[in-house]
């Protein structure tokens, strides 16, 4: 190993700085601190690999344009965020019981020690004490839907979160303890990957450049990006853009129309296949095939409020109980 390489490794393994103590910090203050950099839970979104959040939505948050975004309520008992926070100490205690390794909380937002990477922040669920082979514990919970992402091990977006933590702290390994469906605890070991960290930092720096230059990153086709665009541009100004001479945009429009045409064709083909299977099933409730199965069952009857008749009999209720529903922009294609 040459001297230059040794110095790089030495710098990478320096302990993180304690940016701010979080013990008495409320949620609003904590979220405000997080806007000053890319945290470990932001890492996958920053590089476009978070299945729940796009780079564009994350950019809105970091630049303070997220006022109109729908945010998870930490006190909503139907929200995964609520249960994740509530069960975190239970997952940590169960990890200790299952592995024998002791852990303790780290009440701080950590910062990368390199001034050039001061935008790299991390919150760590627990620090593993006295174990030479692992230093960090990340606690996760997954419900019935989320558990599917763990079938082949730690999902990619969680791996990136942990590698970001290892990059900030200079540590060598982390355990990820995940409680699946509230009854099965799995523990996965993730080792520091220098090549992955190097690439992760490169891509995160590119995203942070979007933030510091106040330039929105490209939309990625996700529902998260769609919500972010509605939030970023909620109103139209009646202006008509002439993009007929813009070859890139005109080609993009042509491709979009062609894709829509193909989707329509596939939808019609799917409907035909579906109807032929229904014809064969007749009154049967289930049908099994070589590669799967279908069900065709009648749902239970339910009662609904006939608002049309109600208002016809009591028109005065419309004025008493009506409310304004905010409009949203519709994207209409004419080709």
Protein backbone atom coordinates (compact mmCIF):
# COMPACT_ATOMS: atom_id res chain seq x y z
CA UNK A 1 0.00 0.00 0.00
CA UNK A 2 1.48 3.38 -1.03
CA UNK A 3 1.47 6.47 1.19
CA UNK A 4 -1.28 8.25 -0.77
CA UNK A 5 -3.65 5.28 -0.49
CA UNK A 6 -2.91 4.92 3.22
CA UNK A 7 -3.75 8.59 3.78
CA UNK A 8 -7.04 8.25 1.91
CA UNK A 9 -8.04 5.27 4.06
CA UNK A 10 -6.93 7.11 7.21
CA UNK A 11 -9.10 10.12 6.33
CA UNK A 12 -12.07 7.85 5.49
CA UNK A 13 -11.82 6.14 8.88
CA UNK A 14 -11.75 9.29 10.99
CA UNK A 15 -14.64 9.49 13.50
CA UNK A 16 -17.64 11.62 12.62
CA UNK A 17 -18.21 15.08 14.04
CA UNK A 18 -21.16 15.62 16.38
CA UNK A 19 -23.00 18.40 14.55
CA UNK A 20 -25.81 18.83 17.10
CA UNK A 21 -27.18 17.05 20.15
CA UNK A 22 -30.64 15.64 19.51
CA UNK A 23 -31.59 14.56 23.03
CA UNK A 24 -33.79 17.63 23.67
CA UNK A 25 -34.45 18.45 20.02
CA UNK A 26 -38.09 18.39 18.89
CA UNK A 27 -39.10 16.91 15.54
CA UNK A 28 -39.44 20.28 13.78
CA UNK A 29 -35.93 21.34 14.84
CA UNK A 30 -34.52 17.96 13.83
CA UNK A 31 -36.10 18.21 10.37
CA UNK A 32 -34.69 21.72 10.03
CA UNK A 33 -31.17 20.49 10.80
CA UNK A 34 -31.54 17.72 8.21
CA UNK A 35 -32.11 20.29 5.47
CA UNK A 36 -28.46 21.33 5.85
CA UNK A 37 -27.20 18.16 4.21
CA UNK A 38 -27.90 14.65 2.98
CA UNK A 39 -28.72 12.28 5.82
CA UNK A 40 -28.35 8.52 5.72
CA UNK A 41 -32.08 8.03 5.16
CA UNK A 42 -31.83 10.47 2.22
CA UNK A 43 -28.99 8.61 0.50
CA UNK A 44 -31.01 6.27 -1.72
CA UNK A 45 -33.42 9.02 -2.78
CA UNK A 46 -30.54 11.36 -3.59
CA UNK A 47 -29.12 8.83 -6.08
CA UNK A 48 -32.51 7.79 -7.49
CA UNK A 49 -32.77 4.36 -5.85
CA UNK A 50 -35.45 4.88 -3.20
CA UNK A 51 -38.72 3.14 -4.18
CA UNK A 52 -40.71 5.62 -2.06
CA UNK A 53 -39.10 8.99 -2.82
CA UNK A 54 -37.65 10.58 -5.96
CA UNK A 55 -34.65 12.93 -6.14
CA UNK A 56 -37.05 15.71 -7.17
CA UNK A 57 -39.20 15.29 -4.05
CA UNK A 58 -36.08 15.19 -1.86
CA UNK A 59 -34.86 18.37 -3.59
CA UNK A 60 -38.14 20.11 -2.71
CA UNK A 61 -37.58 19.19 0.94
CA UNK A 62 -33.95 20.31 1.03
CA UNK A 63 -34.76 23.65 -0.64
CA UNK A 64 -37.76 24.36 1.60
CA UNK A 65 -40.40 23.99 -1.11
CA UNK A 66 -42.21 21.08 0.52
CA UNK A 67 -44.99 23.01 2.26
CA UNK A 68 -47.68 21.49 0.02
CA UNK A 69 -46.29 17.97 -0.02
CA UNK A 70 -48.30 15.35 1.85
CA UNK A 71 -46.09 14.32 4.75
CA UNK A 72 -46.45 11.27 7.00
CA UNK A 73 -47.95 12.12 10.36
CA UNK A 74 -45.71 10.69 13.12
CA UNK A 75 -48.77 10.39 15.38
CA UNK A 76 -50.94 8.55 12.83
CA UNK A 77 -51.32 4.98 14.11
CA UNK A 78 -52.00 3.77 10.55
CA UNK A 79 -48.65 5.09 9.33
CA UNK A 80 -45.51 2.93 9.02
CA UNK A 81 -43.55 5.94 10.34
CA UNK A 82 -45.47 5.77 13.63
CA UNK A 83 -44.85 2.06 14.12
CA UNK A 84 -41.23 2.32 13.05
CA UNK A 85 -40.54 4.93 15.73
CA UNK A 86 -42.58 3.11 18.38
CA UNK A 87 -40.94 -0.26 17.78
CA UNK A 88 -37.36 0.93 17.34
CA UNK A 89 -36.38 0.41 21.01
CA UNK A 90 -38.10 -2.98 20.98
CA UNK A 91 -36.17 -4.04 17.88
CA UNK A 92 -32.92 -2.85 19.51
CA UNK A 93 -33.66 -4.75 22.74
CA UNK A 94 -34.58 -7.87 20.78
CA UNK A 95 -31.33 -7.58 18.81
CA UNK A 96 -29.39 -7.58 22.08
CA UNK A 97 -31.37 -10.58 23.34
CA UNK A 98 -30.85 -12.51 20.10
CA UNK A 99 -27.16 -11.69 19.55
CA UNK A 100 -25.87 -10.86 23.03
CA UNK A 101 -24.41 -7.57 21.74
CA UNK A 102 -25.05 -4.49 23.84
CA UNK A 103 -26.15 -1.23 22.19
CA UNK A 104 -26.69 2.39 23.20
CA UNK A 105 -28.37 5.42 21.63
CA UNK A 106 -26.38 8.09 19.82
CA UNK A 107 -28.16 11.36 20.59
CA UNK A 108 -26.57 13.43 17.86
CA UNK A 109 -26.67 14.34 14.20
CA UNK A 110 -23.29 13.21 12.92
CA UNK A 111 -21.30 14.97 10.21
CA UNK A 112 -18.54 13.73 7.90
CA UNK A 113 -15.15 14.90 9.26
CA UNK A 114 -13.90 15.94 5.81
CA UNK A 115 -14.78 19.65 5.24
CA UNK A 116 -15.37 18.89 1.55
CA UNK A 117 -18.07 16.42 2.57
CA UNK A 118 -19.60 18.43 5.41
CA UNK A 119 -23.00 18.05 3.70
CA UNK A 120 -22.93 14.32 4.55
CA UNK A 121 -24.95 13.83 7.74
CA UNK A 122 -26.12 10.72 9.58
CA UNK A 123 -28.46 9.70 12.36
CA UNK A 124 -27.65 6.29 13.82
CA UNK A 125 -30.28 4.23 15.62
CA UNK A 126 -27.82 2.53 17.97
CA UNK A 127 -24.08 2.14 18.53
CA UNK A 128 -22.91 -1.43 19.17
CA UNK A 129 -20.66 -1.55 22.24
CA UNK A 130 -17.57 -3.69 22.70
CA UNK A 131 -17.94 -5.79 19.52
CA UNK A 132 -14.81 -5.75 17.34
CA UNK A 133 -16.65 -6.98 14.23
CA UNK A 134 -19.61 -4.55 14.15
CA UNK A 135 -20.14 -0.98 15.32
CA UNK A 136 -23.59 0.23 14.17
CA UNK A 137 -27.13 -1.09 14.52
CA UNK A 138 -29.88 0.01 12.13
CA UNK A 139 -33.40 -0.91 13.29
CA UNK A 140 -36.18 -1.54 10.76
CA UNK A 141 -39.79 -2.74 10.75
CA UNK A 142 -41.68 -4.10 7.77
CA UNK A 143 -45.36 -4.92 7.40
CA UNK A 144 -46.98 -7.40 5.04
CA UNK A 145 -46.21 -5.35 1.93
CA UNK A 146 -42.79 -4.09 3.00
CA UNK A 147 -41.66 -7.59 4.01
CA UNK A 148 -41.66 -8.60 0.34
CA UNK A 149 -38.70 -6.30 -0.23
CA UNK A 150 -36.68 -8.33 2.32
CA UNK A 151 -37.14 -11.75 0.70
CA UNK A 152 -33.66 -11.68 -0.84
CA UNK A 153 -31.93 -9.91 2.03
CA UNK A 154 -31.47 -6.22 2.79
CA UNK A 155 -33.18 -4.04 0.15
CA UNK A 156 -30.88 -1.86 -1.93
CA UNK A 157 -32.16 1.43 -0.51
CA UNK A 158 -31.39 0.25 3.05
CA UNK A 159 -27.92 -0.94 2.00
CA UNK A 160 -27.20 2.54 0.65
CA UNK A 161 -28.45 4.08 3.89
CA UNK A 162 -26.04 1.92 5.88
CA UNK A 163 -23.07 2.52 3.56
CA UNK A 164 -23.72 6.24 3.97
CA UNK A 165 -23.60 5.79 7.76
CA UNK A 166 -20.32 3.89 7.48
CA UNK A 167 -18.91 6.63 5.23
CA UNK A 168 -19.80 9.39 7.70
CA UNK A 169 -18.64 7.55 10.83
CA UNK A 170 -15.59 5.77 9.43
CA UNK A 171 -16.88 2.50 10.89
CA UNK A 172 -16.35 -0.89 9.26
CA UNK A 173 -19.60 -2.84 9.66
CA UNK A 174 -23.23 -2.51 10.68
CA UNK A 175 -26.01 -4.90 11.59
CA UNK A 176 -29.51 -4.33 10.23
CA UNK A 177 -32.18 -5.78 12.51
CA UNK A 178 -35.60 -5.95 10.85
CA UNK A 179 -38.86 -6.98 12.48
CA UNK A 180 -41.00 -8.62 9.80
CA UNK A 181 -44.78 -8.51 10.22
CA UNK A 182 -44.36 -7.93 13.94
CA UNK A 183 -43.19 -11.46 14.73
CA UNK A 184 -39.88 -12.41 13.09
CA UNK A 185 -36.56 -10.65 13.76
CA UNK A 186 -33.85 -11.00 11.14
CA UNK A 187 -30.30 -9.69 11.53
CA UNK A 188 -28.17 -8.92 8.48
CA UNK A 189 -24.51 -7.87 8.48
CA UNK A 190 -23.32 -5.17 6.07
CA UNK A 191 -19.59 -4.55 5.67
CA UNK A 192 -18.02 -1.33 4.51
CA UNK A 193 -17.59 -1.27 0.73
CA UNK A 194 -15.05 1.37 -0.26
CA UNK A 195 -15.83 1.25 -3.99
CA UNK A 196 -19.55 1.57 -3.36
CA UNK A 197 -19.00 4.41 -0.90
CA UNK A 198 -16.82 6.25 -3.41
CA UNK A 199 -19.53 6.00 -6.07
CA UNK A 200 -22.26 6.88 -3.56
CA UNK A 201 -20.44 10.04 -2.50
CA UNK A 202 -19.96 11.01 -6.14
CA UNK A 203 -23.68 10.68 -6.90
CA UNK A 204 -24.75 12.34 -3.65
CA UNK A 205 -22.43 15.27 -4.41
CA UNK A 206 -24.12 15.62 -7.79
CA UNK A 207 -27.51 15.81 -6.07
CA UNK A 208 -26.24 18.28 -3.47
CA UNK A 209 -25.06 20.48 -6.36
CA UNK A 210 -28.70 20.63 -7.49
CA UNK A 211 -29.59 21.86 -4.00
CA UNK A 212 -26.84 24.46 -3.68
CA UNK A 213 -27.48 25.83 -7.18
CA UNK A 214 -31.27 25.77 -6.66
CA UNK A 215 -31.68 23.64 -9.78
CA UNK A 216 -34.36 20.91 -9.77
CA UNK A 217 -33.10 17.43 -10.74
CA UNK A 218 -34.82 15.64 -13.66
CA UNK A 219 -38.13 13.91 -12.95
CA UNK A 220 -37.88 10.10 -13.04
CA UNK A 221 -41.42 9.00 -13.93
CA UNK A 222 -42.35 7.97 -10.38
CA UNK A 223 -45.51 8.96 -8.52
CA UNK A 224 -43.20 10.81 -6.13
CA UNK A 225 -41.95 12.98 -9.00
CA UNK A 226 -45.52 13.55 -10.16
CA UNK A 227 -46.49 14.85 -6.70
CA UNK A 228 -43.35 16.97 -6.57
CA UNK A 229 -44.11 18.59 -9.94
CA UNK A 230 -47.67 19.41 -8.83
CA UNK A 231 -46.18 20.98 -5.70
CA UNK A 232 -43.47 22.86 -7.62
CA UNK A 233 -45.80 24.17 -10.34
CA UNK A 234 -49.33 24.21 -8.86
CA UNK A 235 -50.65 26.98 -11.12
CA UNK A 236 -50.59 27.75 -14.84
CA UNK A 237 -50.40 31.24 -16.37
CA UNK A 238 -52.23 30.68 -19.70
CA UNK A 239 -48.97 31.09 -21.64
CA UNK A 240 -48.57 28.98 -24.81
CA UNK A 241 -45.06 27.66 -25.44
CA UNK A 242 -43.99 27.09 -29.03
CA UNK A 243 -41.70 24.05 -28.87
CA UNK A 244 -42.05 23.11 -32.53
CA UNK A 245 -38.41 24.03 -33.17
CA UNK A 246 -37.15 22.29 -30.04
CA UNK A 247 -36.06 18.95 -31.48
CA UNK A 248 -35.44 17.31 -28.12
CA UNK A 249 -38.88 18.19 -26.75
CA UNK A 250 -40.64 17.36 -30.03
CA UNK A 251 -38.95 13.94 -30.11
CA UNK A 252 -39.96 13.39 -26.49
CA UNK A 253 -43.58 14.25 -27.32
CA UNK A 254 -43.57 11.83 -30.27
CA UNK A 255 -42.16 9.05 -28.09
CA UNK A 256 -44.77 9.73 -25.39
CA UNK A 257 -47.63 9.51 -27.89
CA UNK A 258 -46.23 6.26 -29.29
CA UNK A 259 -45.93 4.76 -25.80
CA UNK A 260 -49.52 5.77 -25.03
CA UNK A 261 -50.66 4.05 -28.21
CA UNK A 262 -48.81 0.87 -27.23
CA UNK A 263 -50.30 0.98 -23.73
CA UNK A 264 -53.80 1.22 -25.23
CA UNK A 265 -53.08 -1.78 -27.45
CA UNK A 266 -51.76 -3.82 -24.50
CA UNK A 267 -54.75 -2.84 -22.36
CA UNK A 268 -57.13 -4.02 -25.08
CA UNK A 269 -55.18 -7.25 -25.44
CA UNK A 270 -55.22 -7.82 -21.67
CA UNK A 271 -58.97 -7.21 -21.59
CA UNK A 272 -59.51 -9.80 -24.32
CA UNK A 273 -57.42 -12.42 -22.48
CA UNK A 274 -59.24 -11.65 -19.24
CA UNK A 275 -62.66 -12.00 -20.85
CA UNK A 276 -61.77 -15.33 -22.48
CA UNK A 277 -60.70 -16.70 -19.09
CA UNK A 278 -63.94 -15.39 -17.56
CA UNK A 279 -65.94 -17.12 -20.30
CA UNK A 280 -64.20 -20.39 -19.53
CA UNK A 281 -64.71 -19.98 -15.77
CA UNK A 282 -68.44 -19.29 -16.04
CA UNK A 283 -69.78 -19.39 -12.47
CA UNK A 284 -66.57 -20.79 -10.97
CA UNK A 285 -64.94 -18.68 -8.24
CA UNK A 286 -61.33 -19.79 -8.79
CA UNK A 287 -59.18 -21.10 -11.62
CA UNK A 288 -55.68 -22.55 -11.35
CA UNK A 289 -53.13 -22.53 -14.17
CA UNK A 290 -49.66 -23.91 -14.68
CA UNK A 291 -48.03 -20.64 -13.57
CA UNK A 292 -50.60 -19.09 -11.22
CA UNK A 293 -54.25 -18.65 -10.39
CA UNK A 294 -57.15 -16.18 -10.54
CA UNK A 295 -60.33 -15.59 -8.58
CA UNK A 296 -63.61 -14.14 -9.84
CA UNK A 297 -65.88 -13.61 -6.87
CA UNK A 298 -68.82 -11.35 -6.16
CA UNK A 299 -68.15 -8.72 -3.53
CA UNK A 300 -70.52 -8.18 -0.65
CA UNK A 301 -73.39 -5.76 -1.09
CA UNK A 302 -72.81 -2.40 0.55
CA UNK A 303 -74.88 0.69 1.21
CA UNK A 304 -73.88 4.09 -0.17
CA UNK A 305 -75.21 7.58 0.37
CA UNK A 306 -77.37 8.70 -2.54
CA UNK A 307 -76.26 12.33 -2.49
CA UNK A 308 -78.20 13.19 -5.63
CA UNK A 309 -81.54 12.18 -4.09
CA UNK A 310 -80.59 13.66 -0.71
CA UNK A 311 -79.87 17.07 -2.22
CA UNK A 312 -83.03 16.89 -4.34
CA UNK A 313 -85.09 16.44 -1.16
CA UNK A 314 -83.02 18.84 0.97
CA UNK A 315 -81.25 21.38 -1.32
CA UNK A 316 -80.42 23.59 1.69
CA UNK A 317 -77.82 21.00 2.80
CA UNK A 318 -75.56 21.88 -0.14
CA UNK A 319 -74.93 25.38 1.20
CA UNK A 320 -74.48 24.13 4.76
CA UNK A 321 -72.04 21.30 4.06
CA UNK A 322 -70.30 22.19 0.81
CA UNK A 323 -66.58 22.97 0.75
CA UNK A 324 -64.13 24.14 -1.87
CA UNK A 325 -61.87 21.44 -3.27
CA UNK A 326 -58.63 22.87 -4.57
CA UNK A 327 -58.11 22.27 -8.26
CA UNK A 328 -55.03 20.65 -9.73
CA UNK A 329 -53.37 20.86 -13.11
CA UNK A 330 -54.39 18.21 -15.68
CA UNK A 331 -52.03 17.08 -18.42
CA UNK A 332 -54.09 16.62 -21.60
CA UNK A 333 -52.47 15.27 -24.77
CA UNK A 334 -53.73 16.22 -28.23
CA UNK A 335 -52.14 14.39 -31.12
